[in-house]
Amino acid sequence: MVLIAKYQESPKYTNPPQKWKKEHVERLRSDDTSAVAPSHFTMQEADGPVVYGGFMWAGGIAEAFIEVWKRNAGTGLAEKFGDRIDLFSENSLKPKLSESIEVDPEHDTTVSISSQELMDQVKKDLRRLACYRFKNFMAKGERTPLIDQDYQPPSETDEE
């Protein structure tokens, strides 16, 4: 069994604005970039967006869900099992241990996964992502134009 977690940013991160002037970058450079940590980034609301230095480095969490995938015993291929689980709901996932590993029947217990714990982790990861984007931008900030080289536009499947 595999759990796939996904969240949608809103507003979507594009890259630091092209209209930034050199003084914007210099103002950010006045901080010791190596000392900047995820804890220095502020969640504007409970679910984001994430801001540092007056600029948004990650959007808020508009949607968060997990999917459960299992191997089909006949084909050996992965198949989606059940519906998506909305992490904003009060759900918790309770799979049996035997659904992911081989285990003797007397040890086949239920594993409880709290959606709140998963959302708390997603929020920490969102701050880490914002910090990564900031540091990456600052390392490449002297390039012209100021473009985040790691930015990938959303694919058509992201819009579903």
N, C-alpha and C. Protein backbone atom coordinates (compact mmCIF):
# COMPACT_ATOMS: atom_id res chain seq x y z
N MET A 1 0.85 -1.17 0.00
CA MET A 1 0.00 0.00 0.00
C MET A 1 0.90 1.24 0.00
N VAL A 2 0.47 2.23 -0.75
CA VAL A 2 1.20 3.50 -0.83
C VAL A 2 0.20 4.62 -0.61
N LEU A 3 0.58 5.61 0.17
CA LEU A 3 -0.24 6.81 0.34
C LEU A 3 0.41 7.92 -0.47
N ILE A 4 -0.38 8.54 -1.33
CA ILE A 4 0.11 9.67 -2.11
C ILE A 4 -0.61 10.91 -1.59
N ALA A 5 0.16 11.87 -1.14
CA ALA A 5 -0.41 13.12 -0.62
C ALA A 5 -0.16 14.23 -1.62
N LYS A 6 -1.15 15.11 -1.78
CA LYS A 6 -1.00 16.23 -2.69
C LYS A 6 -1.75 17.42 -2.12
N TYR A 7 -1.17 18.61 -2.34
CA TYR A 7 -1.90 19.81 -1.98
C TYR A 7 -1.78 20.81 -3.11
N GLN A 8 -2.77 21.68 -3.20
CA GLN A 8 -2.81 22.73 -4.22
C GLN A 8 -2.53 24.07 -3.55
N GLU A 9 -1.61 24.83 -4.13
CA GLU A 9 -1.32 26.17 -3.63
C GLU A 9 -2.30 27.17 -4.24
N SER A 10 -2.73 28.12 -3.43
CA SER A 10 -3.56 29.20 -3.94
C SER A 10 -3.26 30.46 -3.12
N PRO A 11 -2.80 31.54 -3.73
CA PRO A 11 -2.52 31.64 -5.16
C PRO A 11 -1.31 30.78 -5.50
N LYS A 12 -1.29 30.29 -6.74
CA LYS A 12 -0.19 29.45 -7.17
C LYS A 12 1.09 30.26 -7.24
N TYR A 13 2.17 29.65 -6.77
CA TYR A 13 3.49 30.27 -6.85
C TYR A 13 3.90 30.29 -8.32
N THR A 14 4.30 31.44 -8.79
CA THR A 14 4.78 31.52 -10.16
C THR A 14 6.29 31.70 -10.15
N ASN A 15 6.74 32.78 -9.67
CA ASN A 15 8.16 33.07 -9.42
C ASN A 15 8.22 34.49 -8.90
N PRO A 16 9.33 34.90 -8.32
CA PRO A 16 9.39 36.30 -7.88
C PRO A 16 9.08 37.23 -9.06
N PRO A 17 8.30 38.25 -8.82
CA PRO A 17 7.85 39.12 -9.91
C PRO A 17 8.99 39.69 -10.74
N GLN A 18 8.78 39.70 -12.04
CA GLN A 18 9.76 40.26 -12.95
C GLN A 18 9.96 41.76 -12.70
N LYS A 19 8.93 42.39 -12.15
CA LYS A 19 9.02 43.84 -11.93
C LYS A 19 9.88 44.21 -10.72
N TRP A 20 10.36 43.21 -9.98
CA TRP A 20 11.23 43.53 -8.86
C TRP A 20 12.41 44.33 -9.35
N LYS A 21 12.69 45.34 -8.63
CA LYS A 21 13.86 46.16 -8.96
C LYS A 21 15.05 45.65 -8.15
N LYS A 22 16.19 46.11 -8.52
CA LYS A 22 17.41 45.66 -7.84
C LYS A 22 17.35 45.93 -6.34
N GLU A 23 16.68 47.03 -5.93
CA GLU A 23 16.61 47.34 -4.49
C GLU A 23 15.78 46.30 -3.72
N HIS A 24 14.79 45.65 -4.39
CA HIS A 24 14.05 44.58 -3.73
C HIS A 24 14.99 43.43 -3.38
N VAL A 25 15.80 43.04 -4.35
CA VAL A 25 16.75 41.95 -4.13
C VAL A 25 17.78 42.35 -3.09
N GLU A 26 18.26 43.58 -3.15
CA GLU A 26 19.26 44.04 -2.18
C GLU A 26 18.69 44.07 -0.77
N ARG A 27 17.41 44.45 -0.65
CA ARG A 27 16.79 44.46 0.68
C ARG A 27 16.76 43.04 1.24
N LEU A 28 16.44 42.06 0.40
CA LEU A 28 16.43 40.67 0.86
C LEU A 28 17.85 40.18 1.13
N ARG A 29 18.80 40.64 0.34
CA ARG A 29 20.19 40.22 0.51
C ARG A 29 20.80 40.77 1.80
N SER A 30 20.17 41.78 2.39
CA SER A 30 20.71 42.34 3.63
C SER A 30 20.64 41.31 4.76
N ASP A 31 19.75 40.32 4.63
CA ASP A 31 19.70 39.22 5.61
C ASP A 31 20.81 38.23 5.28
N ASP A 32 21.30 37.56 6.30
CA ASP A 32 22.26 36.48 6.09
C ASP A 32 21.47 35.29 5.57
N THR A 33 21.50 35.07 4.26
CA THR A 33 20.68 34.04 3.62
C THR A 33 20.93 32.67 4.23
N SER A 34 22.16 32.36 4.59
CA SER A 34 22.45 31.04 5.15
C SER A 34 21.79 30.83 6.51
N ALA A 35 21.49 31.93 7.21
CA ALA A 35 20.87 31.82 8.54
C ALA A 35 19.34 31.78 8.47
N VAL A 36 18.78 32.02 7.29
CA VAL A 36 17.33 32.03 7.15
C VAL A 36 16.83 30.58 7.22
N ALA A 37 15.84 30.36 8.09
CA ALA A 37 15.28 29.02 8.31
C ALA A 37 13.77 29.04 8.09
N PRO A 38 13.16 27.88 7.89
CA PRO A 38 11.70 27.84 7.71
C PRO A 38 10.93 28.55 8.82
N SER A 39 11.46 28.55 10.03
CA SER A 39 10.77 29.21 11.15
C SER A 39 10.69 30.73 10.98
N HIS A 40 11.50 31.30 10.10
CA HIS A 40 11.46 32.74 9.84
C HIS A 40 10.34 33.13 8.88
N PHE A 41 9.70 32.15 8.27
CA PHE A 41 8.63 32.40 7.30
C PHE A 41 7.30 32.39 8.02
N THR A 42 6.42 33.30 7.65
CA THR A 42 5.15 33.50 8.33
C THR A 42 4.00 32.98 7.50
N MET A 43 3.14 32.20 8.15
CA MET A 43 1.89 31.78 7.50
C MET A 43 0.92 32.94 7.70
N GLN A 44 0.46 33.56 6.62
CA GLN A 44 -0.44 34.71 6.71
C GLN A 44 -1.77 34.35 7.35
N GLU A 45 -2.25 33.15 7.07
CA GLU A 45 -3.47 32.61 7.70
C GLU A 45 -3.13 31.20 8.13
N ALA A 46 -4.10 30.49 8.68
CA ALA A 46 -3.84 29.14 9.19
C ALA A 46 -3.28 28.21 8.11
N ASP A 47 -3.68 28.43 6.86
CA ASP A 47 -3.25 27.56 5.77
C ASP A 47 -2.41 28.28 4.73
N GLY A 48 -1.81 29.42 5.08
CA GLY A 48 -0.95 30.15 4.16
C GLY A 48 -1.66 31.32 3.55
N PRO A 49 -1.04 32.06 2.65
CA PRO A 49 0.25 31.83 2.04
C PRO A 49 1.42 32.09 2.99
N VAL A 50 2.62 31.73 2.54
CA VAL A 50 3.82 31.85 3.35
C VAL A 50 4.64 33.04 2.84
N VAL A 51 4.99 33.93 3.79
CA VAL A 51 5.64 35.20 3.44
C VAL A 51 6.96 35.33 4.19
N TYR A 52 7.93 35.95 3.52
CA TYR A 52 9.20 36.33 4.16
C TYR A 52 9.67 37.60 3.48
N GLY A 53 10.13 38.55 4.26
CA GLY A 53 10.66 39.79 3.71
C GLY A 53 9.63 40.59 2.95
N GLY A 54 8.35 40.39 3.28
CA GLY A 54 7.29 41.13 2.60
C GLY A 54 6.87 40.51 1.28
N PHE A 55 7.42 39.35 0.92
CA PHE A 55 7.09 38.71 -0.35
C PHE A 55 6.58 37.29 -0.13
N MET A 56 5.66 36.86 -0.98
CA MET A 56 5.09 35.52 -0.89
C MET A 56 6.04 34.52 -1.56
N TRP A 57 6.37 33.45 -0.83
CA TRP A 57 7.26 32.41 -1.36
C TRP A 57 6.53 31.09 -1.55
N ALA A 58 5.32 30.97 -1.02
CA ALA A 58 4.49 29.79 -1.24
C ALA A 58 3.04 30.21 -1.04
N GLY A 59 2.17 29.68 -1.88
CA GLY A 59 0.75 29.98 -1.75
C GLY A 59 0.14 29.25 -0.57
N GLY A 60 -1.11 29.54 -0.32
CA GLY A 60 -1.82 28.85 0.75
C GLY A 60 -2.26 27.47 0.30
N ILE A 61 -2.72 26.69 1.23
CA ILE A 61 -3.20 25.35 0.93
C ILE A 61 -4.68 25.44 0.60
N ALA A 62 -5.01 25.32 -0.68
CA ALA A 62 -6.40 25.41 -1.12
C ALA A 62 -7.09 24.05 -1.03
N GLU A 63 -6.34 23.00 -1.28
CA GLU A 63 -6.88 21.65 -1.28
C GLU A 63 -5.77 20.72 -0.84
N ALA A 64 -6.09 19.75 -0.02
CA ALA A 64 -5.10 18.76 0.40
C ALA A 64 -5.80 17.41 0.52
N PHE A 65 -5.21 16.41 -0.07
CA PHE A 65 -5.83 15.10 -0.03
C PHE A 65 -4.77 14.02 -0.12
N ILE A 66 -5.19 12.81 0.23
CA ILE A 66 -4.33 11.64 0.01
C ILE A 66 -5.13 10.61 -0.76
N GLU A 67 -4.40 9.79 -1.47
CA GLU A 67 -4.98 8.66 -2.16
C GLU A 67 -4.25 7.41 -1.69
N VAL A 68 -4.98 6.31 -1.63
CA VAL A 68 -4.40 5.02 -1.25
C VAL A 68 -4.28 4.18 -2.51
N TRP A 69 -3.10 3.66 -2.75
CA TRP A 69 -2.85 2.80 -3.90
C TRP A 69 -2.35 1.46 -3.39
N LYS A 70 -2.86 0.39 -4.00
CA LYS A 70 -2.45 -0.96 -3.63
C LYS A 70 -2.07 -1.73 -4.88
N ARG A 71 -1.25 -2.74 -4.69
CA ARG A 71 -0.86 -3.61 -5.79
C ARG A 71 -1.97 -4.62 -6.05
N ASN A 72 -2.37 -4.74 -7.30
CA ASN A 72 -3.36 -5.73 -7.70
C ASN A 72 -2.67 -7.09 -7.67
N ALA A 73 -3.22 -8.03 -6.91
CA ALA A 73 -2.60 -9.34 -6.75
C ALA A 73 -2.51 -10.09 -8.08
N GLY A 74 -3.46 -9.88 -8.98
CA GLY A 74 -3.47 -10.58 -10.26
C GLY A 74 -2.50 -10.00 -11.28
N THR A 75 -2.51 -8.67 -11.43
CA THR A 75 -1.69 -8.03 -12.46
C THR A 75 -0.34 -7.54 -11.93
N GLY A 76 -0.25 -7.33 -10.63
CA GLY A 76 0.97 -6.78 -10.05
C GLY A 76 1.09 -5.29 -10.22
N LEU A 77 0.08 -4.65 -10.84
CA LEU A 77 0.10 -3.21 -11.07
C LEU A 77 -0.57 -2.47 -9.92
N ALA A 78 -0.18 -1.23 -9.73
CA ALA A 78 -0.79 -0.40 -8.70
C ALA A 78 -2.16 0.06 -9.15
N GLU A 79 -3.11 0.05 -8.23
CA GLU A 79 -4.46 0.53 -8.49
C GLU A 79 -4.91 1.43 -7.35
N LYS A 80 -5.62 2.47 -7.70
CA LYS A 80 -6.17 3.37 -6.68
C LYS A 80 -7.24 2.61 -5.90
N PHE A 81 -7.18 2.73 -4.58
CA PHE A 81 -8.10 2.01 -3.70
C PHE A 81 -8.98 3.04 -2.99
N GLY A 82 -10.26 3.00 -3.24
CA GLY A 82 -11.19 3.92 -2.59
C GLY A 82 -11.13 5.32 -3.15
N ASP A 83 -11.81 6.23 -2.48
CA ASP A 83 -11.88 7.62 -2.89
C ASP A 83 -10.73 8.43 -2.27
N ARG A 84 -10.49 9.60 -2.84
CA ARG A 84 -9.54 10.53 -2.23
C ARG A 84 -10.01 10.87 -0.82
N ILE A 85 -9.06 11.08 0.06
CA ILE A 85 -9.39 11.45 1.44
C ILE A 85 -9.01 12.91 1.61
N ASP A 86 -10.01 13.74 1.88
CA ASP A 86 -9.81 15.18 2.05
C ASP A 86 -9.19 15.42 3.42
N LEU A 87 -7.99 16.01 3.44
CA LEU A 87 -7.30 16.24 4.70
C LEU A 87 -7.88 17.41 5.49
N PHE A 88 -8.75 18.22 4.86
CA PHE A 88 -9.41 19.29 5.59
C PHE A 88 -10.58 18.77 6.41
N SER A 89 -11.01 17.55 6.12
CA SER A 89 -12.11 16.96 6.89
C SER A 89 -11.53 16.35 8.16
N GLU A 90 -12.40 15.89 9.00
CA GLU A 90 -11.96 15.29 10.26
C GLU A 90 -11.72 13.79 10.12
N ASN A 91 -11.45 13.34 8.92
CA ASN A 91 -11.24 11.91 8.68
C ASN A 91 -9.93 11.44 9.28
N SER A 92 -9.89 10.16 9.53
CA SER A 92 -8.60 9.53 9.76
C SER A 92 -8.65 8.21 8.99
N LEU A 93 -7.53 7.82 8.50
CA LEU A 93 -7.41 6.61 7.70
C LEU A 93 -7.01 5.49 8.64
N LYS A 94 -7.65 4.32 8.51
CA LYS A 94 -7.36 3.20 9.40
C LYS A 94 -7.16 1.91 8.61
N PRO A 95 -6.04 1.83 7.89
CA PRO A 95 -5.78 0.59 7.15
C PRO A 95 -5.28 -0.53 8.06
N LYS A 96 -5.44 -1.75 7.62
CA LYS A 96 -4.88 -2.89 8.33
C LYS A 96 -3.41 -2.99 7.95
N LEU A 97 -2.59 -3.42 8.87
CA LEU A 97 -1.16 -3.58 8.64
C LEU A 97 -0.89 -4.52 7.47
N SER A 98 -1.73 -5.57 7.33
CA SER A 98 -1.55 -6.56 6.26
C SER A 98 -1.78 -5.98 4.87
N GLU A 99 -2.37 -4.77 4.78
CA GLU A 99 -2.58 -4.14 3.49
C GLU A 99 -1.30 -3.56 2.91
N SER A 100 -0.26 -3.43 3.73
CA SER A 100 0.99 -2.86 3.23
C SER A 100 2.19 -3.80 3.36
N ILE A 101 2.15 -4.71 4.33
CA ILE A 101 3.25 -5.66 4.49
C ILE A 101 2.69 -7.03 4.85
N GLU A 102 3.52 -8.06 4.65
CA GLU A 102 3.11 -9.40 5.08
C GLU A 102 3.28 -9.48 6.59
N VAL A 103 2.21 -9.94 7.24
CA VAL A 103 2.22 -10.02 8.70
C VAL A 103 1.35 -11.21 9.12
N ASP A 104 1.73 -11.86 10.20
CA ASP A 104 0.93 -12.96 10.72
C ASP A 104 -0.42 -12.44 11.18
N PRO A 105 -1.49 -13.23 11.01
CA PRO A 105 -2.84 -12.76 11.38
C PRO A 105 -2.95 -12.24 12.82
N GLU A 106 -2.21 -12.83 13.75
CA GLU A 106 -2.32 -12.37 15.14
C GLU A 106 -1.68 -11.00 15.35
N HIS A 107 -0.86 -10.54 14.40
CA HIS A 107 -0.23 -9.23 14.49
C HIS A 107 -0.84 -8.20 13.53
N ASP A 108 -1.91 -8.61 12.87
CA ASP A 108 -2.54 -7.73 11.87
C ASP A 108 -3.45 -6.71 12.56
N THR A 109 -2.85 -5.62 12.96
CA THR A 109 -3.60 -4.58 13.67
C THR A 109 -3.96 -3.44 12.72
N THR A 110 -4.80 -2.56 13.19
CA THR A 110 -5.18 -1.38 12.43
C THR A 110 -4.20 -0.25 12.75
N VAL A 111 -3.80 0.45 11.70
CA VAL A 111 -2.91 1.59 11.86
C VAL A 111 -3.76 2.85 11.67
N SER A 112 -3.76 3.72 12.64
CA SER A 112 -4.56 4.94 12.55
C SER A 112 -3.69 6.10 12.09
N ILE A 113 -4.12 6.77 11.01
CA ILE A 113 -3.40 7.92 10.48
C ILE A 113 -4.34 9.12 10.57
N SER A 114 -3.98 10.09 11.35
CA SER A 114 -4.82 11.27 11.59
C SER A 114 -4.66 12.29 10.47
N SER A 115 -5.78 12.75 9.92
CA SER A 115 -5.70 13.78 8.88
C SER A 115 -5.15 15.08 9.46
N GLN A 116 -5.41 15.36 10.73
CA GLN A 116 -4.87 16.58 11.35
C GLN A 116 -3.35 16.52 11.45
N GLU A 117 -2.81 15.36 11.81
CA GLU A 117 -1.36 15.22 11.86
C GLU A 117 -0.75 15.38 10.48
N LEU A 118 -1.41 14.85 9.46
CA LEU A 118 -0.92 15.01 8.09
C LEU A 118 -0.96 16.48 7.67
N MET A 119 -2.04 17.19 8.01
CA MET A 119 -2.14 18.61 7.66
C MET A 119 -1.08 19.43 8.39
N ASP A 120 -0.81 19.10 9.65
CA ASP A 120 0.25 19.80 10.39
C ASP A 120 1.59 19.60 9.69
N GLN A 121 1.85 18.39 9.19
CA GLN A 121 3.09 18.13 8.48
C GLN A 121 3.13 18.90 7.16
N VAL A 122 2.00 18.96 6.45
CA VAL A 122 1.94 19.71 5.18
C VAL A 122 2.27 21.18 5.43
N LYS A 123 1.78 21.75 6.52
CA LYS A 123 2.06 23.16 6.84
C LYS A 123 3.55 23.36 7.12
N LYS A 124 4.19 22.43 7.82
CA LYS A 124 5.63 22.53 8.05
C LYS A 124 6.38 22.44 6.73
N ASP A 125 5.93 21.51 5.89
CA ASP A 125 6.58 21.34 4.59
C ASP A 125 6.40 22.56 3.70
N LEU A 126 5.26 23.25 3.84
CA LEU A 126 5.03 24.46 3.05
C LEU A 126 6.03 25.55 3.43
N ARG A 127 6.34 25.66 4.71
CA ARG A 127 7.37 26.62 5.16
C ARG A 127 8.74 26.21 4.64
N ARG A 128 9.03 24.91 4.66
CA ARG A 128 10.31 24.44 4.13
C ARG A 128 10.41 24.75 2.63
N LEU A 129 9.31 24.53 1.92
CA LEU A 129 9.28 24.82 0.48
C LEU A 129 9.53 26.31 0.24
N ALA A 130 8.88 27.17 1.01
CA ALA A 130 9.07 28.62 0.87
C ALA A 130 10.53 28.98 1.13
N CYS A 131 11.13 28.41 2.15
CA CYS A 131 12.53 28.69 2.48
C CYS A 131 13.44 28.21 1.34
N TYR A 132 13.16 27.05 0.80
CA TYR A 132 13.94 26.53 -0.33
C TYR A 132 13.84 27.49 -1.52
N ARG A 133 12.62 27.92 -1.84
CA ARG A 133 12.43 28.82 -2.97
C ARG A 133 13.19 30.13 -2.76
N PHE A 134 13.11 30.66 -1.53
CA PHE A 134 13.81 31.90 -1.22
C PHE A 134 15.33 31.73 -1.41
N LYS A 135 15.89 30.70 -0.80
CA LYS A 135 17.34 30.50 -0.88
C LYS A 135 17.78 30.24 -2.32
N ASN A 136 16.98 29.48 -3.04
CA ASN A 136 17.30 29.21 -4.44
C ASN A 136 17.26 30.50 -5.25
N PHE A 137 16.26 31.31 -5.02
CA PHE A 137 16.17 32.59 -5.73
C PHE A 137 17.34 33.49 -5.39
N MET A 138 17.70 33.56 -4.10
CA MET A 138 18.80 34.43 -3.70
C MET A 138 20.12 33.96 -4.31
N ALA A 139 20.29 32.66 -4.44
CA ALA A 139 21.53 32.14 -5.04
C ALA A 139 21.60 32.49 -6.52
N LYS A 140 20.42 32.61 -7.16
CA LYS A 140 20.38 32.89 -8.60
C LYS A 140 19.89 34.30 -8.89
N GLY A 141 19.71 35.11 -7.85
CA GLY A 141 19.06 36.41 -7.98
C GLY A 141 19.75 37.42 -8.86
N GLU A 142 21.04 37.24 -9.12
CA GLU A 142 21.75 38.21 -9.95
C GLU A 142 21.51 37.97 -11.43
N ARG A 143 20.90 36.83 -11.76
CA ARG A 143 20.64 36.55 -13.17
C ARG A 143 19.60 37.50 -13.72
N THR A 144 19.65 37.74 -14.99
CA THR A 144 18.67 38.60 -15.64
C THR A 144 18.00 37.80 -16.73
N PRO A 145 16.69 37.73 -16.81
CA PRO A 145 15.76 38.27 -15.84
C PRO A 145 15.73 37.41 -14.57
N LEU A 146 15.13 37.96 -13.52
CA LEU A 146 15.06 37.25 -12.25
C LEU A 146 13.99 36.17 -12.34
N ILE A 147 14.40 34.97 -12.69
CA ILE A 147 13.45 33.87 -12.86
C ILE A 147 13.88 32.72 -11.96
N ASP A 148 12.92 32.11 -11.30
CA ASP A 148 13.17 30.93 -10.50
C ASP A 148 13.32 29.75 -11.47
N GLN A 149 14.52 29.22 -11.59
CA GLN A 149 14.79 28.15 -12.56
C GLN A 149 14.09 26.85 -12.19
N ASP A 150 13.66 26.67 -10.94
CA ASP A 150 12.98 25.45 -10.53
C ASP A 150 11.47 25.50 -10.74
N TYR A 151 10.96 26.68 -11.11
CA TYR A 151 9.52 26.81 -11.29
C TYR A 151 9.05 25.94 -12.44
N GLN A 152 7.97 25.21 -12.21
CA GLN A 152 7.34 24.43 -13.26
C GLN A 152 5.88 24.83 -13.32
N PRO A 153 5.41 25.27 -14.48
CA PRO A 153 4.01 25.68 -14.58
C PRO A 153 3.11 24.47 -14.33
N PRO A 154 1.90 24.71 -13.82
CA PRO A 154 1.00 23.59 -13.55
C PRO A 154 0.66 22.88 -14.85
N SER A 155 0.58 21.56 -14.77
CA SER A 155 0.19 20.77 -15.94
C SER A 155 -1.32 20.77 -16.04
N GLU A 156 -1.82 20.31 -17.15
CA GLU A 156 -3.26 20.25 -17.34
C GLU A 156 -3.92 19.35 -16.32
N THR A 157 -3.23 18.30 -15.87
CA THR A 157 -3.79 17.40 -14.87
C THR A 157 -3.93 18.06 -13.52
N ASP A 158 -3.12 19.11 -13.25
CA ASP A 158 -3.24 19.85 -11.99
C ASP A 158 -4.53 20.62 -11.91
N GLU A 159 -5.14 20.92 -13.04
CA GLU A 159 -6.34 21.73 -13.08
C GLU A 159 -7.61 20.92 -12.83
N GLU A 160 -7.49 19.59 -12.79
CA GLU A 160 -8.68 18.74 -12.62
C GLU A 160 -9.28 18.86 -11.25
